[in-house]
Amino acid sequence: MKKILQHLFEHKTLSREQAKEVLTNISKAIYNEYEITAFVTVYLMRSITIDELQGFRDALLELCTKVDLNGFKTMDIVGTGGDGKNTFNISTLSCFIVAGTEQKVAKHGNYGMTSTSGASNVMEQLGYKLKNNIDALKKEVDEANICFMHAPLFHPAMKTVGPLRKSLGIRTFFNMLGPMINPADPDFQLVGVYNLEMARIYNYLLQQTGKPFTIIHSLDGYDEISLTDDTKVITNAGEKVFTPEQIGKRMVQPQDIFGGNTPEEAAKMFLKIIKGEGTFAQNAVVIANSAMALQCTGEYNSYDEAYGAAVESLESGKAYKCLQKLVSLQ
């Protein structure tokens, strides 16, 4: 690690192979926590290159526990996190709304590293048991239309650096990697990113997969459709900017989508919204993200049609039924 750090401190970058080797060694606990902290800190002070990100991803995917979901065509809705906005669990709620339309969902998530409550925190609060039992995950997708994969149970490196990330409490390159290393390799992805540079990098990497994807970034800095400002939307076909009124029928204020101060508060809010008892602003934001995800599947003729399906899933109680079914399988 000393050589690598010296190389980086001289303002040089890593090749894809070097990056892969470092993250492989982190996964195998070859370095001590001070070396890893120094390594992670480099990327807090400068941008990551595409080669470095690809190398890190290569290592994590090679070492991870793969999840084969019996040929189901699945979707993941995930943000990089690290936007510092502490919103409620918008992407996780959107996953259940999408599952309520019969679209299978393979959600990949983690504990909140830079926010009060990450996807894993809220799922545990709701009664879900974090697991890496593939048969159990298959059963969940089959019967509840959704399963949840807690990243550290599938990725050794995530487990190794978890305490470090938590103690730093700020965005690291692991935030950037999260959406690219789903162990189930979903067929469709809606990815929220915290800035336009990340949007550009993700666009390059996701184009190479050949799979349908949608990248979203609210221009005021959210890693999701926040409806607090215009949203940049990038798909396989190109990019556009949409106003809150175009994709959410309304504009909302930042305080309307605050996520609470504890995981317990976040879970209470989650339950309220999924039961159809959320505020107009909360519902509007969740439905807009769900609709954008549904449109990515190619099953809908227009965004408005996908939006209608998302509304129906929430208002009919189908999204909530998916949650109840999932929890009953634990």
Protein backbone atom coordinates (compact mmCIF):
# COMPACT_ATOMS: atom_id res chain seq x y z
CA MET A 1 0.00 0.00 0.00
CA LYS A 2 2.92 2.37 0.71
CA LYS A 3 3.90 2.36 -2.98
CA ILE A 4 0.30 2.96 -4.09
CA LEU A 5 -0.14 5.86 -1.65
CA GLN A 6 3.16 7.42 -2.76
CA HIS A 7 1.98 7.13 -6.38
CA LEU A 8 -1.34 8.82 -5.53
CA PHE A 9 0.26 11.56 -3.41
CA GLU A 10 2.27 12.50 -6.52
CA HIS A 11 -1.08 13.35 -8.19
CA LYS A 12 -0.94 10.23 -10.38
CA THR A 13 -3.94 7.99 -11.05
CA LEU A 14 -4.32 4.21 -10.94
CA SER A 15 -4.79 1.97 -13.95
CA ARG A 16 -7.86 -0.25 -14.02
CA GLU A 17 -5.69 -3.24 -13.02
CA GLN A 18 -4.04 -1.40 -10.12
CA ALA A 19 -7.41 -0.22 -8.81
CA LYS A 20 -8.76 -3.76 -9.00
CA GLU A 21 -5.75 -5.10 -7.09
CA VAL A 22 -6.07 -2.53 -4.28
CA LEU A 23 -9.76 -3.22 -3.72
CA THR A 24 -9.16 -6.97 -3.85
CA ASN A 25 -6.57 -6.55 -1.10
CA ILE A 26 -8.94 -4.37 0.94
CA SER A 27 -11.56 -7.14 0.65
CA LYS A 28 -9.02 -9.67 1.91
CA ALA A 29 -8.11 -7.41 4.89
CA ILE A 30 -4.48 -7.20 3.76
CA TYR A 31 -4.16 -3.51 4.72
CA ASN A 32 -4.61 -1.95 8.15
CA GLU A 33 -7.30 0.66 8.86
CA TYR A 34 -4.83 3.59 8.69
CA GLU A 35 -3.71 2.58 5.20
CA ILE A 36 -7.31 2.21 4.04
CA THR A 37 -8.25 5.57 5.56
CA ALA A 38 -5.35 7.27 3.76
CA PHE A 39 -6.37 5.58 0.49
CA VAL A 40 -10.03 6.60 0.78
CA THR A 41 -9.02 10.16 1.73
CA VAL A 42 -7.22 10.63 -1.60
CA TYR A 43 -10.58 10.39 -3.36
CA LEU A 44 -12.14 12.95 -1.04
CA MET A 45 -9.59 15.41 -2.37
CA ARG A 46 -9.77 14.68 -6.09
CA SER A 47 -12.13 13.18 -8.63
CA ILE A 48 -12.06 9.49 -9.40
CA THR A 49 -11.19 8.44 -12.97
CA ILE A 50 -13.29 6.07 -15.05
CA ASP A 51 -10.41 3.53 -15.06
CA GLU A 52 -10.21 3.62 -11.26
CA LEU A 53 -13.95 3.24 -10.83
CA GLN A 54 -14.04 0.34 -13.31
CA GLY A 55 -11.17 -1.36 -11.51
CA PHE A 56 -12.87 -1.02 -8.13
CA ARG A 57 -16.09 -2.37 -9.62
CA ASP A 58 -14.26 -5.30 -11.29
CA ALA A 59 -12.82 -6.36 -7.92
CA LEU A 60 -16.12 -6.13 -6.05
CA LEU A 61 -18.05 -8.04 -8.71
CA GLU A 62 -15.40 -10.76 -8.93
CA LEU A 63 -15.40 -11.31 -5.17
CA CYS A 64 -19.11 -10.90 -4.47
CA THR A 65 -21.68 -13.61 -3.72
CA LYS A 66 -23.70 -13.73 -6.95
CA VAL A 67 -27.50 -13.97 -6.79
CA ASP A 68 -29.31 -15.81 -9.60
CA LEU A 69 -33.03 -14.99 -9.40
CA ASN A 70 -34.35 -17.77 -11.63
CA GLY A 71 -34.49 -15.73 -14.81
CA PHE A 72 -36.87 -13.09 -13.42
CA LYS A 73 -36.41 -9.74 -15.19
CA THR A 74 -35.59 -7.49 -12.27
CA MET A 75 -35.12 -3.79 -11.60
CA ASP A 76 -33.12 -1.86 -9.01
CA ILE A 77 -33.83 1.71 -7.95
CA VAL A 78 -30.89 3.13 -6.08
CA GLY A 79 -29.17 6.41 -5.33
CA THR A 80 -25.47 6.83 -4.77
CA GLY A 81 -26.28 8.61 -1.50
CA GLY A 82 -23.83 11.17 -0.25
CA ASP A 83 -25.90 14.16 -1.36
CA GLY A 84 -26.07 15.32 2.27
CA LYS A 85 -29.81 16.08 1.97
CA ASN A 86 -31.19 13.51 4.45
CA THR A 87 -34.43 12.85 2.58
CA PHE A 88 -36.86 10.08 3.54
CA ASN A 89 -36.24 6.68 1.90
CA ILE A 90 -37.49 7.66 -1.55
CA SER A 91 -35.79 4.97 -3.66
CA THR A 92 -36.76 2.13 -1.28
CA LEU A 93 -40.40 3.27 -1.26
CA SER A 94 -40.30 3.51 -5.05
CA CYS A 95 -39.10 -0.10 -5.17
CA PHE A 96 -42.28 -1.24 -3.41
CA ILE A 97 -44.50 0.87 -5.67
CA VAL A 98 -42.79 -0.69 -8.70
CA ALA A 99 -43.19 -4.17 -7.15
CA GLY A 100 -46.90 -3.39 -6.71
CA THR A 101 -47.23 -3.14 -10.52
CA GLU A 102 -45.93 -6.76 -10.82
CA GLN A 103 -42.46 -5.66 -11.95
CA LYS A 104 -39.90 -7.77 -10.05
CA VAL A 105 -37.41 -5.79 -7.97
CA ALA A 106 -33.93 -6.81 -6.72
CA LYS A 107 -33.06 -3.97 -4.34
CA HIS A 108 -29.45 -3.51 -3.27
CA GLY A 109 -28.72 -1.26 -0.29
CA ASN A 110 -26.77 -0.52 2.85
CA TYR A 111 -26.95 1.24 6.18
CA GLY A 112 -26.98 5.03 6.02
CA MET A 113 -23.37 6.23 5.92
CA THR A 114 -24.11 9.89 5.23
CA SER A 115 -27.79 10.05 6.17
CA THR A 116 -29.90 9.13 9.21
CA SER A 117 -31.46 6.04 7.70
CA GLY A 118 -30.24 4.05 4.71
CA ALA A 119 -32.27 1.35 2.95
CA SER A 120 -30.94 -1.38 5.27
CA ASN A 121 -31.81 0.62 8.40
CA VAL A 122 -35.41 1.12 7.32
CA MET A 123 -35.84 -2.47 6.09
CA GLU A 124 -34.69 -3.80 9.48
CA GLN A 125 -37.03 -1.42 11.28
CA LEU A 126 -39.91 -2.76 9.16
CA GLY A 127 -39.18 -6.34 10.23
CA TYR A 128 -37.03 -7.57 7.33
CA LYS A 129 -34.13 -9.87 8.22
CA LEU A 130 -30.96 -9.07 6.28
CA LYS A 131 -29.70 -12.26 4.65
CA ASN A 132 -27.63 -13.77 1.85
CA ASN A 133 -29.61 -17.00 1.55
CA ILE A 134 -30.21 -17.21 -2.21
CA ASP A 135 -33.20 -19.57 -1.96
CA ALA A 136 -34.92 -17.22 0.49
CA LEU A 137 -34.28 -14.25 -1.83
CA LYS A 138 -35.72 -16.19 -4.80
CA LYS A 139 -38.85 -16.98 -2.79
CA GLU A 140 -39.25 -13.30 -1.88
CA VAL A 141 -39.02 -12.17 -5.50
CA ASP A 142 -41.41 -14.90 -6.56
CA GLU A 143 -44.07 -14.24 -3.91
CA ALA A 144 -43.65 -10.58 -2.91
CA ASN A 145 -42.18 -9.29 -6.24
CA ILE A 146 -39.20 -7.89 -4.32
CA CYS A 147 -36.11 -8.97 -2.38
CA PHE A 148 -33.53 -6.91 -0.55
CA MET A 149 -29.77 -7.45 -0.57
CA HIS A 150 -27.70 -5.80 2.18
CA ALA A 151 -24.39 -4.94 0.46
CA PRO A 152 -21.93 -6.03 3.22
CA LEU A 153 -23.41 -9.56 3.23
CA PHE A 154 -22.48 -9.94 -0.45
CA HIS A 155 -19.32 -7.82 -0.71
CA PRO A 156 -16.36 -8.52 1.60
CA ALA A 157 -14.86 -5.06 0.96
CA MET A 158 -18.06 -3.33 2.03
CA LYS A 159 -17.90 -5.21 5.31
CA THR A 160 -14.25 -4.27 5.85
CA VAL A 161 -14.76 -0.54 5.23
CA GLY A 162 -18.20 -0.21 6.88
CA PRO A 163 -16.94 1.07 10.26
CA LEU A 164 -14.52 3.46 8.53
CA ARG A 165 -17.26 4.91 6.30
CA LYS A 166 -19.57 5.32 9.28
CA SER A 167 -16.92 7.11 11.34
CA LEU A 168 -16.00 9.42 8.42
CA GLY A 169 -19.69 10.21 7.86
CA ILE A 170 -19.00 11.78 4.48
CA ARG A 171 -19.27 10.63 0.90
CA THR A 172 -16.54 8.24 -0.32
CA PHE A 173 -16.01 6.43 -3.61
CA PHE A 174 -17.95 3.50 -2.13
CA ASN A 175 -21.08 5.63 -2.61
CA MET A 176 -20.30 5.75 -6.31
CA LEU A 177 -19.81 1.99 -6.49
CA GLY A 178 -23.01 0.90 -4.71
CA PRO A 179 -25.40 1.09 -7.69
CA MET A 180 -22.95 -0.71 -10.00
CA ILE A 181 -22.39 -3.82 -7.91
CA ASN A 182 -25.86 -5.29 -7.39
CA PRO A 183 -25.19 -9.05 -6.89
CA ALA A 184 -28.35 -9.95 -8.86
CA ASP A 185 -27.21 -8.02 -11.96
CA PRO A 186 -30.68 -6.53 -12.63
CA ASP A 187 -32.06 -6.05 -16.14
CA PHE A 188 -33.15 -2.44 -15.58
CA GLN A 189 -31.71 0.30 -13.39
CA LEU A 190 -32.81 3.69 -12.18
CA VAL A 191 -29.73 5.34 -10.66
CA GLY A 192 -29.75 8.63 -8.78
CA VAL A 193 -26.46 10.56 -8.66
CA TYR A 194 -25.40 13.56 -6.56
CA ASN A 195 -23.68 15.64 -9.25
CA LEU A 196 -23.35 16.02 -13.01
CA GLU A 197 -19.82 14.63 -13.12
CA MET A 198 -21.09 11.35 -11.64
CA ALA A 199 -23.96 11.41 -14.14
CA ARG A 200 -21.41 11.60 -16.98
CA ILE A 201 -19.32 8.72 -15.55
CA TYR A 202 -22.39 6.53 -14.97
CA ASN A 203 -23.68 7.27 -18.45
CA TYR A 204 -20.38 6.03 -19.91
CA LEU A 205 -20.31 2.87 -17.75
CA LEU A 206 -23.99 1.94 -18.11
CA GLN A 207 -23.96 2.45 -21.90
CA GLN A 208 -21.37 -0.35 -22.02
CA THR A 209 -23.72 -2.86 -20.36
CA GLY A 210 -26.23 -2.63 -23.22
CA LYS A 211 -29.08 -2.78 -20.68
CA PRO A 212 -31.86 -0.19 -20.33
CA PHE A 213 -30.98 2.41 -17.68
CA THR A 214 -32.08 5.81 -16.45
CA ILE A 215 -29.83 8.19 -14.53
CA ILE A 216 -31.45 11.01 -12.55
CA HIS A 217 -30.02 14.10 -10.86
CA SER A 218 -31.94 17.02 -9.38
CA LEU A 219 -30.08 20.14 -10.41
CA ASP A 220 -30.08 21.46 -6.84
CA GLY A 221 -28.00 18.47 -5.74
CA TYR A 222 -30.33 15.59 -4.83
CA ASP A 223 -29.53 12.03 -5.98
CA GLU A 224 -33.19 11.43 -6.87
CA ILE A 225 -36.14 13.24 -8.41
CA SER A 226 -36.79 15.65 -5.54
CA LEU A 227 -39.28 17.96 -7.32
CA THR A 228 -37.50 20.84 -5.55
CA ASP A 229 -35.85 21.85 -8.85
CA ASP A 230 -35.49 20.65 -12.43
CA THR A 231 -34.22 17.09 -12.96
CA LYS A 232 -31.62 15.96 -15.48
CA VAL A 233 -32.65 12.57 -16.90
CA ILE A 234 -30.18 10.49 -18.92
CA THR A 235 -31.20 7.26 -20.68
CA ASN A 236 -29.69 4.98 -23.34
CA ALA A 237 -31.32 7.31 -25.89
CA GLY A 238 -29.97 10.66 -24.65
CA GLU A 239 -30.59 13.30 -22.03
CA LYS A 240 -33.29 15.85 -21.15
CA VAL A 241 -34.11 18.26 -18.36
CA PHE A 242 -37.62 18.13 -16.88
CA THR A 243 -39.39 20.59 -14.59
CA PRO A 244 -41.06 19.38 -11.37
CA GLU A 245 -44.44 20.08 -12.96
CA GLN A 246 -43.62 17.88 -15.98
CA ILE A 247 -42.68 14.79 -14.00
CA GLY A 248 -44.39 15.29 -10.64
CA LYS A 249 -47.34 17.57 -11.42
CA ARG A 250 -46.05 19.98 -8.76
CA MET A 251 -43.02 21.57 -7.12
CA VAL A 252 -42.19 20.79 -3.47
CA GLN A 253 -40.00 22.40 -0.79
CA PRO A 254 -36.87 20.77 0.71
CA GLN A 255 -38.48 20.57 4.17
CA ASP A 256 -41.36 18.54 2.64
CA ILE A 257 -39.06 15.60 1.94
CA PHE A 258 -36.92 15.61 5.09
CA GLY A 259 -36.23 12.09 6.36
CA GLY A 260 -36.44 12.46 10.13
CA ASN A 261 -33.75 12.31 12.81
CA THR A 262 -33.63 8.58 13.64
CA PRO A 263 -34.13 5.26 11.82
CA GLU A 264 -37.32 4.79 13.90
CA GLU A 265 -38.72 8.11 12.64
CA ALA A 266 -37.74 7.18 9.08
CA ALA A 267 -39.53 3.82 9.35
CA LYS A 268 -42.70 5.48 10.73
CA MET A 269 -42.68 7.90 7.82
CA PHE A 270 -42.07 5.02 5.38
CA LEU A 271 -45.10 3.10 6.70
CA LYS A 272 -47.32 6.15 6.56
CA ILE A 273 -46.43 6.84 2.93
CA ILE A 274 -46.69 3.23 1.72
CA LYS A 275 -50.12 2.93 3.35
CA GLY A 276 -51.26 5.88 1.22
CA GLU A 277 -51.25 8.30 4.15
CA GLY A 278 -48.30 10.44 3.04
CA THR A 279 -48.48 14.17 2.37
CA PHE A 280 -49.12 15.45 -1.17
CA ALA A 281 -45.43 16.32 -1.47
CA GLN A 282 -44.18 12.93 -0.23
CA ASN A 283 -46.54 11.06 -2.54
CA ALA A 284 -45.63 13.24 -5.52
CA VAL A 285 -41.89 12.60 -5.10
CA VAL A 286 -42.24 8.83 -4.62
CA ILE A 287 -44.63 8.48 -7.56
CA ALA A 288 -42.35 10.50 -9.88
CA ASN A 289 -39.34 8.29 -9.06
CA SER A 290 -41.43 5.12 -9.44
CA ALA A 291 -42.84 6.29 -12.78
CA MET A 292 -39.38 7.06 -14.13
CA ALA A 293 -38.27 3.56 -13.10
CA LEU A 294 -41.29 1.91 -14.70
CA GLN A 295 -40.73 3.81 -17.94
CA CYS A 296 -37.18 2.42 -18.04
CA THR A 297 -38.59 -1.12 -18.45
CA GLY A 298 -40.05 -0.30 -21.87
CA GLU A 299 -43.43 -1.73 -20.82
CA TYR A 300 -45.21 1.63 -21.03
CA ASN A 301 -46.00 3.77 -24.06
CA SER A 302 -45.39 7.05 -22.27
CA TYR A 303 -44.26 8.58 -19.00
CA ASP A 304 -47.88 9.46 -18.22
CA GLU A 305 -48.89 5.81 -18.55
CA ALA A 306 -46.07 4.75 -16.20
CA TYR A 307 -47.10 7.55 -13.82
CA GLY A 308 -50.67 6.23 -13.81
CA ALA A 309 -49.43 2.71 -12.98
CA ALA A 310 -47.37 4.09 -10.06
CA VAL A 311 -50.35 6.03 -8.69
CA GLU A 312 -52.54 2.93 -8.93
CA SER A 313 -49.96 0.77 -7.13
CA LEU A 314 -49.79 3.19 -4.20
CA GLU A 315 -53.46 4.16 -3.95
CA SER A 316 -54.88 0.64 -4.39
CA GLY A 317 -52.67 -0.70 -1.58
CA LYS A 318 -50.74 -3.05 -3.88
CA ALA A 319 -47.38 -1.52 -2.88
CA TYR A 320 -48.22 -1.99 0.81
CA LYS A 321 -49.30 -5.59 0.16
CA CYS A 322 -45.84 -6.30 -1.32
CA LEU A 323 -44.27 -5.02 1.91
CA GLN A 324 -46.63 -7.07 4.09
CA LYS A 325 -45.94 -10.20 2.04
CA LEU A 326 -42.19 -9.65 2.17
CA VAL A 327 -42.19 -9.22 5.96
CA SER A 328 -44.42 -12.29 6.40
CA LEU A 329 -41.77 -14.41 4.63
CA GLN A 330 -39.09 -13.59 7.23
